[in-house]
Protein backbone atom coordinates (compact mmCIF):
# COMPACT_ATOMS: atom_id res chain seq x y z
CA MET A 1 50.87 9.91 -2.49
CA ARG A 2 48.96 11.00 0.58
CA SER A 3 46.57 13.16 -1.50
CA VAL A 4 45.89 10.19 -3.83
CA LEU A 5 45.07 8.00 -0.82
CA ILE A 6 42.66 10.63 0.53
CA ILE A 7 40.91 10.84 -2.85
CA LEU A 8 40.58 7.05 -3.02
CA LEU A 9 39.14 6.90 0.50
CA CYS A 10 36.65 9.63 -0.37
CA CYS A 11 35.59 7.71 -3.47
CA ILE A 12 35.10 4.56 -1.42
CA SER A 13 33.05 6.49 1.14
CA VAL A 14 30.84 8.04 -1.54
CA SER A 15 30.32 4.68 -3.25
CA ALA A 16 29.31 3.02 0.01
CA HIS A 17 26.84 5.79 0.77
CA ALA A 18 25.43 5.68 -2.76
CA ALA A 19 23.53 2.43 -2.18
CA SER A 20 19.88 3.12 -2.97
CA ALA A 21 17.15 2.68 -0.37
CA SER A 22 15.47 0.06 -2.57
CA ALA A 23 18.72 -1.94 -2.64
CA GLU A 24 19.03 -1.61 1.14
CA LEU A 25 15.43 -2.76 1.57
CA ASP A 26 15.96 -5.75 -0.70
CA GLN A 27 19.09 -6.67 1.23
CA PHE A 28 17.24 -6.31 4.54
CA LEU A 29 14.45 -8.64 3.38
CA GLN A 30 16.78 -11.27 1.87
CA GLY A 31 17.09 -14.20 4.24
CA LEU A 32 14.75 -12.54 6.73
CA THR A 33 12.69 -15.20 8.53
CA SER A 34 11.65 -13.22 11.62
CA PHE A 35 12.30 -10.04 13.54
CA THR A 36 11.23 -8.16 16.63
CA ALA A 37 11.28 -4.43 17.30
CA ASP A 38 9.94 -1.69 19.52
CA PHE A 39 7.80 0.79 17.63
CA ARG A 40 6.49 4.30 18.09
CA GLN A 41 3.50 5.41 16.04
CA ARG A 42 2.44 9.01 15.32
CA LEU A 43 -0.78 10.00 13.59
CA LEU A 44 -0.94 13.45 11.97
CA ASP A 45 -3.97 15.07 10.35
CA GLU A 46 -4.03 16.64 6.89
CA ASP A 47 -2.61 19.86 8.37
CA LYS A 48 0.29 17.88 9.91
CA ARG A 49 -1.01 18.38 13.46
CA LEU A 50 -0.30 15.56 15.87
CA VAL A 51 -3.48 13.62 16.62
CA GLU A 52 -2.22 10.61 18.56
CA THR A 53 0.95 8.90 19.68
CA SER A 54 1.19 5.21 20.59
CA GLU A 55 3.92 2.65 21.11
CA GLY A 56 4.54 -1.02 21.70
CA GLN A 57 6.32 -4.09 20.35
CA LEU A 58 6.22 -5.84 16.98
CA PHE A 59 6.86 -9.53 16.29
CA VAL A 60 7.03 -10.94 12.75
CA LYS A 61 7.54 -14.48 11.52
CA ARG A 62 7.64 -14.80 7.75
CA PRO A 63 5.67 -15.68 5.83
CA GLY A 64 2.34 -14.45 7.10
CA SER A 65 2.52 -14.23 10.91
CA PHE A 66 2.72 -11.06 12.97
CA ARG A 67 1.78 -9.56 16.31
CA TRP A 68 1.54 -5.85 17.19
CA ASN A 69 1.27 -5.33 20.95
CA TYR A 70 0.27 -1.75 21.72
CA THR A 71 1.16 -0.78 25.28
CA HIS A 72 0.54 3.00 25.25
CA PRO A 73 -1.74 4.92 25.53
CA TYR A 74 -3.92 1.83 26.00
CA PRO A 75 -3.43 -1.91 25.41
CA GLN A 76 -4.39 -3.36 22.06
CA GLU A 77 -3.40 -6.55 20.23
CA ILE A 78 -3.29 -7.16 16.48
CA VAL A 79 -2.45 -10.75 15.60
CA GLY A 80 -2.24 -12.18 12.10
CA ALA A 81 -1.78 -15.86 11.24
CA ARG A 82 -3.58 -18.81 9.68
CA ASN A 83 -5.55 -16.73 7.18
CA HIS A 84 -7.07 -14.32 9.72
CA VAL A 85 -6.24 -11.07 11.51
CA TRP A 86 -7.54 -10.53 15.05
CA VAL A 87 -7.78 -7.05 16.59
CA TYR A 88 -8.49 -6.96 20.32
CA ASP A 89 -9.44 -3.69 22.00
CA SER A 90 -9.36 -4.27 25.75
CA GLU A 91 -11.18 -1.02 26.58
CA LEU A 92 -14.11 -1.89 24.34
CA GLU A 93 -13.84 -5.60 25.20
CA GLN A 94 -14.25 -6.29 21.49
CA VAL A 95 -12.45 -8.53 19.01
CA SER A 96 -12.64 -7.79 15.28
CA VAL A 97 -11.74 -10.54 12.81
CA LYS A 98 -10.94 -10.25 9.11
CA ALA A 99 -9.62 -12.60 6.45
CA ILE A 100 -5.92 -11.85 6.23
CA ASP A 101 -6.00 -11.05 2.49
CA ASP A 102 -8.75 -8.46 3.07
CA ALA A 103 -7.00 -7.00 6.12
CA LEU A 104 -3.54 -6.65 4.59
CA GLY A 105 -4.26 -5.95 0.94
CA ASN A 106 -1.07 -4.32 -0.38
CA SER A 107 -0.31 -2.61 2.92
CA PRO A 108 2.94 -2.01 4.84
CA ALA A 109 2.06 -5.05 6.97
CA LEU A 110 2.15 -7.16 3.82
CA LEU A 111 5.62 -5.81 3.05
CA LEU A 112 6.87 -7.05 6.43
CA THR A 113 5.31 -10.51 6.23
CA THR A 114 5.35 -11.56 2.58
CA THR A 115 8.18 -13.45 0.91
CA ARG A 116 7.07 -12.46 -2.60
CA PRO A 117 9.34 -10.13 -4.61
CA LEU A 118 8.34 -6.53 -3.93
CA ALA A 119 8.27 -5.73 -7.66
CA GLU A 120 5.27 -8.09 -8.00
CA LEU A 121 3.28 -5.97 -5.54
CA PHE A 122 4.58 -2.40 -5.78
CA ALA A 123 6.00 0.19 -8.14
CA ILE A 124 9.30 1.12 -6.49
CA LYS A 125 10.95 4.54 -6.63
CA ASP A 126 14.05 5.72 -4.79
CA LEU A 127 13.62 9.15 -3.18
CA GLY A 128 17.16 9.75 -2.00
CA GLU A 129 18.63 10.66 1.39
CA LYS A 130 17.21 13.17 3.86
CA ASN A 131 18.45 13.85 7.40
CA GLY A 132 20.53 10.67 7.39
CA ILE A 133 17.65 8.43 6.26
CA ASN A 134 17.57 6.76 2.83
CA TRP A 135 14.00 6.77 1.43
CA VAL A 136 12.13 4.59 -1.05
CA GLU A 137 8.52 4.97 -2.20
CA LEU A 138 6.26 1.95 -2.77
CA ARG A 139 3.03 2.32 -4.75
CA PRO A 140 0.59 -0.63 -4.79
CA LEU A 141 0.04 -2.06 -8.24
CA LYS A 142 -3.58 -2.88 -7.40
CA GLU A 143 -5.93 -0.01 -8.17
CA ASP A 144 -8.27 -0.74 -5.23
CA ALA A 145 -5.63 -0.20 -2.53
CA ALA A 146 -6.65 1.84 0.53
CA PHE A 147 -3.73 4.23 -0.05
CA ASN A 148 -1.72 5.63 -2.94
CA ALA A 149 1.79 5.05 -1.64
CA PHE A 150 3.94 4.66 1.41
CA ASN A 151 7.56 5.49 2.13
CA ILE A 152 10.23 3.34 3.77
CA GLY A 153 13.25 4.87 5.50
CA MET A 154 16.45 2.82 5.78
CA VAL A 155 19.51 3.58 7.93
CA ARG A 156 22.72 1.58 7.44
CA GLY A 157 20.80 -1.31 5.88
CA SER A 158 18.18 -1.58 8.63
CA LEU A 159 14.50 -0.65 8.65
CA GLN A 160 14.12 2.67 10.48
CA VAL A 161 10.77 4.26 9.64
CA MET A 162 7.60 3.81 7.58
CA GLU A 163 5.24 6.59 6.51
CA LEU A 164 1.73 5.95 5.21
CA LYS A 165 -0.70 8.58 3.93
CA ASP A 166 -4.30 7.39 3.71
CA ASN A 167 -7.07 8.59 1.41
CA PHE A 168 -8.27 11.04 4.08
CA GLY A 169 -4.97 12.92 4.09
CA GLN A 170 -3.85 11.54 7.46
CA LEU A 171 -0.20 10.54 7.84
CA THR A 172 0.89 7.61 10.00
CA GLN A 173 4.57 7.48 10.95
CA LEU A 174 6.08 4.32 12.40
CA SER A 175 9.63 4.39 13.75
CA PHE A 176 11.44 1.24 14.86
CA GLY A 177 14.07 0.62 17.51
CA LYS A 178 15.88 -2.31 19.14
CA LEU A 179 15.29 -4.38 15.99
CA VAL A 180 16.46 -8.00 16.31
CA ARG A 181 16.90 -9.95 13.09
CA ASN A 182 15.94 -13.64 12.81
CA PRO A 183 15.26 -14.47 16.46
CA GLU A 184 13.61 -17.77 17.39
CA LEU A 185 9.87 -17.09 17.76
CA ASP A 186 7.42 -19.73 18.98
CA ASP A 187 4.35 -20.22 16.77
CA LYS A 188 2.21 -19.91 19.91
CA LEU A 189 3.07 -16.21 19.96
CA PHE A 190 0.84 -15.83 16.90
CA GLU A 191 -2.14 -17.75 18.25
CA PHE A 192 -5.09 -15.72 19.47
CA VAL A 193 -7.97 -16.84 21.68
CA PRO A 194 -10.66 -14.21 22.33
CA PRO A 195 -10.88 -13.36 26.05
CA ALA A 196 -13.96 -14.60 27.89
CA GLY A 197 -16.79 -12.11 27.65
CA ALA A 198 -15.39 -10.18 24.68
CA ASP A 199 -17.67 -9.48 21.73
CA VAL A 200 -16.32 -11.08 18.55
CA VAL A 201 -17.36 -9.53 15.23
CA GLY A 202 -16.34 -10.08 11.63
CA ASP A 203 -15.17 -13.05 9.57
CA VAL A 204 -14.90 -15.47 12.48
CA PRO A 205 -13.14 -18.70 11.39
CA PRO A 206 -14.97 -21.95 12.04
CA LYS A 207 -13.92 -23.93 15.09
CA ALA A 208 -11.69 -26.91 14.42
CA SER A 209 -13.50 -30.24 14.46
CA SER A 210 -12.87 -32.43 17.50
CA ASN A 211 -13.00 -35.58 15.34
């Protein structure tokens, strides 16, 4: 009787662990309206040598609003909302502006902010488990994407890591910690006003009429 119970428990354990990364990702995105997380970003060259490390905080409000606050090695803000993405580099005192569709394309940022089914945007392939992380590959369906594919790592149903290889062979790794699901986020968090004296370049939106 005891041996039968052990076998049953093992079967249950295996079945629970057998959930695919794509299923975990779908479950994570279902009912997701917002989230916050700390992030650490590593950039490696084509020979897998570390080029740069940075870190900061991420705020997302779905659909379409996000803020990446880089705090190390130097401050930088990336804010997306209301059809535009603003990138502020405090060292250069420069703000770059792009239409949000052009800036996101079919990128990992789109994955985090869109409410569209992923199958409409990506070809999805489960890669299996490695070092305790369950991996899924997403390939953009659009041929003009800036990258061929990116990988998502899930741990116990939560977003853990994203890996993106660009067309120059560089690999960007983003790992997430202290993730909070569906917090209350004020819309003002996703408003951006260029600092006084900063150069503003790009697709600058027209100012709202005072009438």
